Every structure is written in C-alpha cells, then in structure tokens.
Amino acid sequence: MGSTTYTQKREEQADFSMIFFFSETTFLVPKDLGIKTLEDLNGKRVGAARATTNLKAVEDLAKEGKFKPKDIIVTETHPQGMLALKSGKIEAYSTDRSLLEGLRMKDQNPNNWMTVPFAIAYEPYAYICREGQSDFRDFINNTIIWSIKTGKFFELYDKWMGPTGVVPIPMSEAYNNYLQMMVYPISDEWWKQ
C-alpha cells in the first residue's frame, strides 16, 4: 500500500477501495526563490517522477500554455527529484503535497524549502487491490468506514499529519466533511465474519 492515485487508466488494470484522502499536486521549491504563482515558474526547470499523474499534470499545463518552464526534467524516484532540487538541476519538484512535505521534513535543512501555496491538480488516494477480489475490497472499505466512524481514522491522521505529527498537513473543513459523509453498508461486527 502506498500513495496510489485512483485513475481511470489504473482502474482498467486493478480494483480500488473507496477514496479516503486527497492530496494536491504542487511544487517544492527553495524558500528564497519567491514562487507564489504558477506563472512564477516560467523559465524555470521543473521536475517530476516518471509515470506519475503529477508529471502528466505538469506536462499538460505546459502544453496548454498555462506556464512555460525552461525544461521538464523526469526523475525515476522522488528522492532523485529532491536530489535534483538540492543540486540545482531543477528549481521546482512536483508531486503530491503530502509527499513533498515528507521530502522537505526529512531534509537536513527543511526550512530551506517550501511547498508553494497553489495546486495544479488534485490526487484522490485509494488502496489498490487485485482485480476481481471483491471480498477483500469489501474488507478494505469496511475498515475505512469503521475507522472513520470510531474516530480511529482521525487519531491516525493526527499522529502522522496533525499539528504535531510527523508531516503536519492541516485537515481542511471540506476534507473533514467528505469523511463524515462517506457511506458504505457494513453490518454489525463485520470483522468477526
């Protein structure tokens, strides 16, 4: 399990659970670079990892003329993207905000970096599982709903992404409302079956 974005193309190959998290596709940049808008990235070298929805979002915006990067550098992994950023090969690295914050926090000098205050796309996260395993997918969905209804989901969120968590990402009111509205039919004591 990991940070798997639920896409139509991936749905053709595998099954997915309910969507339980949303992350923004955005950029990690040097704090002193002064990037506040997408247009501020015009003329800059930007990077993203191969075969990611983030890379596609960057390429699509460039093709549409929404911004004009000097170059789009493709890396194989997120750590390679961070290395390219630190070494000056790129001025901005793109992936999900939650992953960027993790890269920033793990750096020796996390205060040298910032995620920009805008998003270029939204990434719906879901658990991926083998095609045709509906009983297992039901178990995953039951677990997601159970964790939300019992408050366990919020305890884990606070532990990892709350104000004093490992990677602090405030839970928006819209996201909290989404979680409260998630509905899935589960029977009492389903975990004993």
Protein backbone atom coordinates (compact mmCIF):
# COMPACT_ATOMS: atom_id res chain seq x y z
CA MET A 1 0.00 0.00 0.00
CA GLY A 2 1.21 3.47 -0.75
CA SER A 3 0.24 6.82 -2.13
CA THR A 4 -1.79 5.43 -5.02
CA THR A 5 -3.81 7.92 -7.02
CA TYR A 6 -7.08 6.46 -8.27
CA THR A 7 -7.21 6.97 -12.06
CA GLN A 8 -9.35 5.54 -14.84
CA LYS A 9 -6.31 4.01 -16.55
CA ARG A 10 -5.25 2.23 -13.35
CA GLU A 11 -8.86 1.13 -12.78
CA GLU A 12 -8.60 -0.84 -16.04
CA GLN A 13 -5.79 -2.93 -14.52
CA ALA A 14 -6.81 -3.25 -10.87
CA ASP A 15 -9.56 -2.52 -8.36
CA PHE A 16 -9.60 0.30 -5.84
CA SER A 17 -11.11 0.91 -2.45
CA MET A 18 -13.17 3.96 -1.61
CA ILE A 19 -11.27 7.24 -1.88
CA PHE A 20 -10.06 8.14 1.62
CA PHE A 21 -7.62 11.02 1.07
CA PHE A 22 -6.97 13.89 -1.32
CA SER A 23 -3.60 15.46 -1.93
CA GLU A 24 -2.73 18.40 -4.14
CA THR A 25 -0.23 18.18 -6.96
CA THR A 26 2.07 21.11 -6.32
CA PHE A 27 5.76 22.03 -6.17
CA LEU A 28 8.59 22.03 -3.65
CA VAL A 29 10.93 24.99 -4.22
CA PRO A 30 13.78 26.78 -2.47
CA LYS A 31 12.14 29.11 0.06
CA ASP A 32 14.12 32.12 -1.15
CA LEU A 33 13.08 31.67 -4.80
CA GLY A 34 9.87 33.68 -4.28
CA ILE A 35 7.47 31.31 -6.08
CA LYS A 36 3.86 32.26 -5.28
CA THR A 37 2.01 31.52 -8.54
CA LEU A 38 2.27 29.06 -11.41
CA GLU A 39 3.47 31.90 -13.65
CA ASP A 40 6.44 32.40 -11.32
CA LEU A 41 7.72 29.05 -12.65
CA ASN A 42 8.02 30.42 -16.20
CA GLY A 43 11.59 29.96 -17.40
CA LYS A 44 12.42 27.56 -14.56
CA ARG A 45 13.44 23.91 -14.78
CA VAL A 46 10.81 21.76 -13.11
CA GLY A 47 10.92 18.06 -12.33
CA ALA A 48 8.57 15.19 -11.63
CA ALA A 49 8.86 11.41 -11.40
CA ARG A 50 8.31 9.18 -14.42
CA ALA A 51 4.86 7.62 -14.95
CA THR A 52 3.15 9.73 -12.27
CA THR A 53 -0.08 11.66 -12.51
CA ASN A 54 1.95 14.65 -11.30
CA LEU A 55 4.25 14.56 -14.33
CA LYS A 56 1.22 14.38 -16.60
CA ALA A 57 -0.34 17.41 -14.86
CA VAL A 58 2.89 19.43 -15.31
CA GLU A 59 3.22 18.41 -18.97
CA ASP A 60 -0.44 19.13 -19.69
CA LEU A 61 -0.26 22.64 -18.21
CA ALA A 62 2.88 23.36 -20.22
CA LYS A 63 1.23 22.09 -23.44
CA GLU A 64 -1.83 24.24 -22.74
CA GLY A 65 0.42 27.27 -22.33
CA LYS A 66 -0.64 27.85 -18.71
CA PHE A 67 3.06 28.21 -17.87
CA LYS A 68 6.31 27.99 -19.80
CA PRO A 69 9.01 26.06 -17.98
CA LYS A 70 12.53 26.19 -19.35
CA ASP A 71 12.58 22.39 -19.19
CA ILE A 72 10.73 19.47 -17.62
CA ILE A 73 13.18 17.02 -16.08
CA VAL A 74 11.95 13.47 -15.46
CA THR A 75 13.37 11.59 -12.48
CA GLU A 76 12.93 7.94 -11.62
CA THR A 77 12.06 8.42 -7.95
CA HIS A 78 11.04 11.16 -5.52
CA PRO A 79 14.38 11.03 -3.64
CA GLN A 80 16.12 11.59 -7.01
CA GLY A 81 13.81 14.55 -7.55
CA MET A 82 14.81 16.01 -4.19
CA LEU A 83 18.48 15.46 -5.04
CA ALA A 84 17.99 17.28 -8.37
CA LEU A 85 16.36 20.15 -6.48
CA LYS A 86 19.13 20.33 -3.87
CA SER A 87 21.88 20.20 -6.51
CA GLY A 88 20.29 22.98 -8.59
CA LYS A 89 19.47 20.82 -11.62
CA ILE A 90 15.85 21.92 -11.18
CA GLU A 91 14.23 24.86 -9.41
CA ALA A 92 10.95 23.10 -8.58
CA TYR A 93 9.93 19.49 -7.99
CA SER A 94 6.32 18.34 -8.41
CA THR A 95 4.40 15.57 -6.71
CA ASP A 96 1.63 15.31 -4.09
CA ARG A 97 1.79 17.93 -1.33
CA SER A 98 1.87 15.20 1.33
CA LEU A 99 4.90 13.55 -0.30
CA LEU A 100 6.65 16.89 -0.83
CA GLU A 101 6.19 17.79 2.82
CA GLY A 102 7.69 14.41 3.73
CA LEU A 103 10.73 15.08 1.50
CA ARG A 104 11.08 18.55 2.99
CA MET A 105 10.84 17.34 6.59
CA LYS A 106 13.45 14.61 6.01
CA ASP A 107 15.97 17.08 4.59
CA GLN A 108 18.87 18.21 6.79
CA ASN A 109 17.67 21.80 6.31
CA PRO A 110 13.87 21.59 6.00
CA ASN A 111 13.47 25.35 6.45
CA ASN A 112 15.34 25.96 3.19
CA TRP A 113 12.36 24.55 1.26
CA MET A 114 8.65 25.25 0.92
CA THR A 115 5.67 23.84 -0.87
CA VAL A 116 4.06 26.54 -2.96
CA PRO A 117 0.64 27.93 -1.93
CA PHE A 118 -1.22 26.67 -5.01
CA ALA A 119 -2.21 23.36 -6.57
CA ILE A 120 -2.22 22.31 -10.23
CA ALA A 121 -4.28 19.13 -9.74
CA TYR A 122 -5.89 17.02 -7.03
CA GLU A 123 -4.93 13.43 -6.31
CA PRO A 124 -7.61 11.09 -4.92
CA TYR A 125 -5.95 8.33 -2.90
CA ALA A 126 -7.40 4.84 -2.60
CA TYR A 127 -6.00 1.42 -1.79
CA ILE A 128 -5.22 -0.67 -4.85
CA CYS A 129 -6.03 -4.39 -4.89
CA ARG A 130 -6.16 -7.23 -7.37
CA GLU A 131 -8.95 -7.22 -9.92
CA GLY A 132 -11.88 -9.47 -9.03
CA GLN A 133 -11.17 -9.69 -5.27
CA SER A 134 -14.47 -8.15 -4.16
CA ASP A 135 -14.42 -9.78 -0.70
CA PHE A 136 -11.03 -8.24 0.02
CA ARG A 137 -12.11 -4.87 -1.39
CA ASP A 138 -15.22 -5.02 0.83
CA PHE A 139 -12.98 -5.72 3.83
CA ILE A 140 -10.85 -2.66 2.99
CA ASN A 141 -13.91 -0.45 2.53
CA ASN A 142 -15.43 -1.74 5.78
CA THR A 143 -12.18 -0.94 7.56
CA ILE A 144 -12.08 2.60 6.15
CA ILE A 145 -15.66 3.33 7.23
CA TRP A 146 -15.19 1.65 10.62
CA SER A 147 -12.05 3.71 11.28
CA ILE A 148 -13.87 6.95 10.43
CA LYS A 149 -16.99 6.14 12.46
CA THR A 150 -14.98 5.07 15.54
CA GLY A 151 -12.57 8.01 15.34
CA LYS A 152 -9.52 5.76 14.73
CA PHE A 153 -9.00 7.39 11.33
CA PHE A 154 -8.69 10.82 12.96
CA GLU A 155 -6.35 9.51 15.65
CA LEU A 156 -4.02 8.15 12.96
CA TYR A 157 -4.33 11.31 10.90
CA ASP A 158 -3.36 13.42 13.90
CA LYS A 159 -0.44 11.12 14.73
CA TRP A 160 1.07 11.44 11.27
CA MET A 161 -0.32 14.67 9.78
CA GLY A 162 -1.83 16.61 12.69
CA PRO A 163 -0.29 19.81 14.08
CA THR A 164 2.40 17.88 16.00
CA GLY A 165 2.57 14.96 13.55
CA VAL A 166 5.49 13.75 11.51
CA VAL A 167 4.34 15.67 8.41
CA PRO A 168 1.86 18.35 9.53
CA ILE A 169 -0.86 18.83 6.90
CA PRO A 170 -3.94 20.54 8.35
CA MET A 171 -7.21 18.76 7.64
CA SER A 172 -9.42 21.12 5.67
CA GLU A 173 -13.07 21.57 6.55
CA ALA A 174 -14.02 20.27 3.09
CA TYR A 175 -11.99 17.07 3.62
CA ASN A 176 -13.42 16.56 7.11
CA ASN A 177 -16.94 16.99 5.69
CA TYR A 178 -16.17 14.47 2.93
CA LEU A 179 -15.06 11.90 5.52
CA GLN A 180 -18.19 12.47 7.61
CA MET A 181 -20.38 11.97 4.54
CA MET A 182 -18.75 8.72 3.39
CA VAL A 183 -21.33 5.96 3.39
CA TYR A 184 -20.83 2.26 2.82
CA PRO A 185 -23.13 -0.53 4.01
CA ILE A 186 -21.41 -2.52 6.75
CA SER A 187 -23.08 -5.00 9.08
CA ASP A 188 -22.60 -5.01 12.83
CA GLU A 189 -19.47 -6.86 13.92
CA TRP A 190 -18.44 -7.42 10.28
CA TRP A 191 -14.84 -8.06 11.36
CA LYS A 192 -15.91 -11.30 13.11
CA GLN A 193 -17.16 -12.86 9.88
